[in-house]
Amino acid sequence: VLEGKSISAVARTFNVHPATIYRCIEPNSAL
């Protein structure tokens, strides 16, 4: 399960914004 630091790490790895990662893992929470 990804959390704040994990999302940031993944975001840096893929060179994307953390919000993009969060939308991918939590589509129901995305507005």
N, C-alpha and C. Protein backbone atom coordinates (compact mmCIF):
# COMPACT_ATOMS: atom_id res chain seq x y z
N VAL A 1 0.86 -1.20 0.00
CA VAL A 1 0.00 0.00 0.00
C VAL A 1 0.89 1.24 0.00
N LEU A 2 0.61 2.14 -0.93
CA LEU A 2 1.43 3.34 -1.04
C LEU A 2 0.94 4.43 -0.12
N GLU A 3 1.90 5.15 0.49
CA GLU A 3 1.56 6.30 1.31
C GLU A 3 2.41 7.49 0.86
N GLY A 4 2.31 8.59 1.58
CA GLY A 4 2.96 9.84 1.18
C GLY A 4 4.36 9.70 0.61
N LYS A 5 5.30 9.16 1.39
CA LYS A 5 6.68 9.06 0.94
C LYS A 5 6.81 8.08 -0.21
N SER A 6 6.05 6.99 -0.16
CA SER A 6 6.13 5.99 -1.23
C SER A 6 5.65 6.60 -2.54
N ILE A 7 4.55 7.35 -2.48
CA ILE A 7 4.02 7.99 -3.68
C ILE A 7 5.04 8.98 -4.24
N SER A 8 5.66 9.74 -3.35
CA SER A 8 6.66 10.71 -3.79
C SER A 8 7.84 10.00 -4.45
N ALA A 9 8.25 8.87 -3.87
CA ALA A 9 9.37 8.11 -4.42
C ALA A 9 9.01 7.56 -5.80
N VAL A 10 7.81 7.02 -5.92
CA VAL A 10 7.37 6.49 -7.21
C VAL A 10 7.25 7.61 -8.22
N ALA A 11 6.71 8.74 -7.78
CA ALA A 11 6.56 9.89 -8.67
C ALA A 11 7.92 10.35 -9.20
N ARG A 12 8.92 10.38 -8.34
CA ARG A 12 10.26 10.78 -8.77
C ARG A 12 10.85 9.74 -9.71
N THR A 13 10.57 8.47 -9.45
CA THR A 13 11.09 7.40 -10.29
C THR A 13 10.55 7.52 -11.71
N PHE A 14 9.24 7.79 -11.82
CA PHE A 14 8.61 7.87 -13.13
C PHE A 14 8.56 9.30 -13.66
N ASN A 15 9.11 10.25 -12.86
CA ASN A 15 9.15 11.66 -13.27
C ASN A 15 7.76 12.20 -13.52
N VAL A 16 6.84 11.93 -12.59
CA VAL A 16 5.48 12.43 -12.70
C VAL A 16 5.08 13.08 -11.37
N HIS A 17 3.95 13.78 -11.37
CA HIS A 17 3.48 14.43 -10.16
C HIS A 17 2.85 13.41 -9.22
N PRO A 18 3.11 13.52 -7.91
CA PRO A 18 2.53 12.58 -6.94
C PRO A 18 1.02 12.42 -7.08
N ALA A 19 0.33 13.49 -7.45
CA ALA A 19 -1.12 13.43 -7.60
C ALA A 19 -1.50 12.45 -8.71
N THR A 20 -0.66 12.36 -9.74
CA THR A 20 -0.92 11.43 -10.83
C THR A 20 -0.88 10.00 -10.32
N ILE A 21 0.11 9.69 -9.48
CA ILE A 21 0.21 8.35 -8.91
C ILE A 21 -1.00 8.07 -8.04
N TYR A 22 -1.39 9.08 -7.23
CA TYR A 22 -2.51 8.88 -6.32
C TYR A 22 -3.79 8.62 -7.09
N ARG A 23 -3.97 9.30 -8.23
CA ARG A 23 -5.16 9.08 -9.06
C ARG A 23 -5.17 7.66 -9.59
N CYS A 24 -3.98 7.12 -9.89
CA CYS A 24 -3.89 5.77 -10.44
C CYS A 24 -4.24 4.71 -9.38
N ILE A 25 -3.82 4.95 -8.14
CA ILE A 25 -4.05 3.95 -7.10
C ILE A 25 -5.37 4.18 -6.37
N GLU A 26 -5.90 5.40 -6.42
CA GLU A 26 -7.15 5.71 -5.75
C GLU A 26 -8.11 6.41 -6.70
N PRO A 27 -8.55 5.73 -7.75
CA PRO A 27 -9.41 6.36 -8.76
C PRO A 27 -10.72 6.85 -8.19
N ASN A 28 -11.23 6.16 -7.16
CA ASN A 28 -12.51 6.55 -6.57
C ASN A 28 -12.38 7.82 -5.73
N SER A 29 -11.16 8.14 -5.31
CA SER A 29 -10.95 9.32 -4.49
C SER A 29 -10.60 10.54 -5.34
N ALA A 30 -10.28 10.33 -6.60
CA ALA A 30 -9.91 11.43 -7.48
C ALA A 30 -11.13 12.27 -7.84
N LEU A 31 -10.93 13.59 -7.84
CA LEU A 31 -12.04 14.48 -8.18
C LEU A 31 -11.89 14.94 -9.62
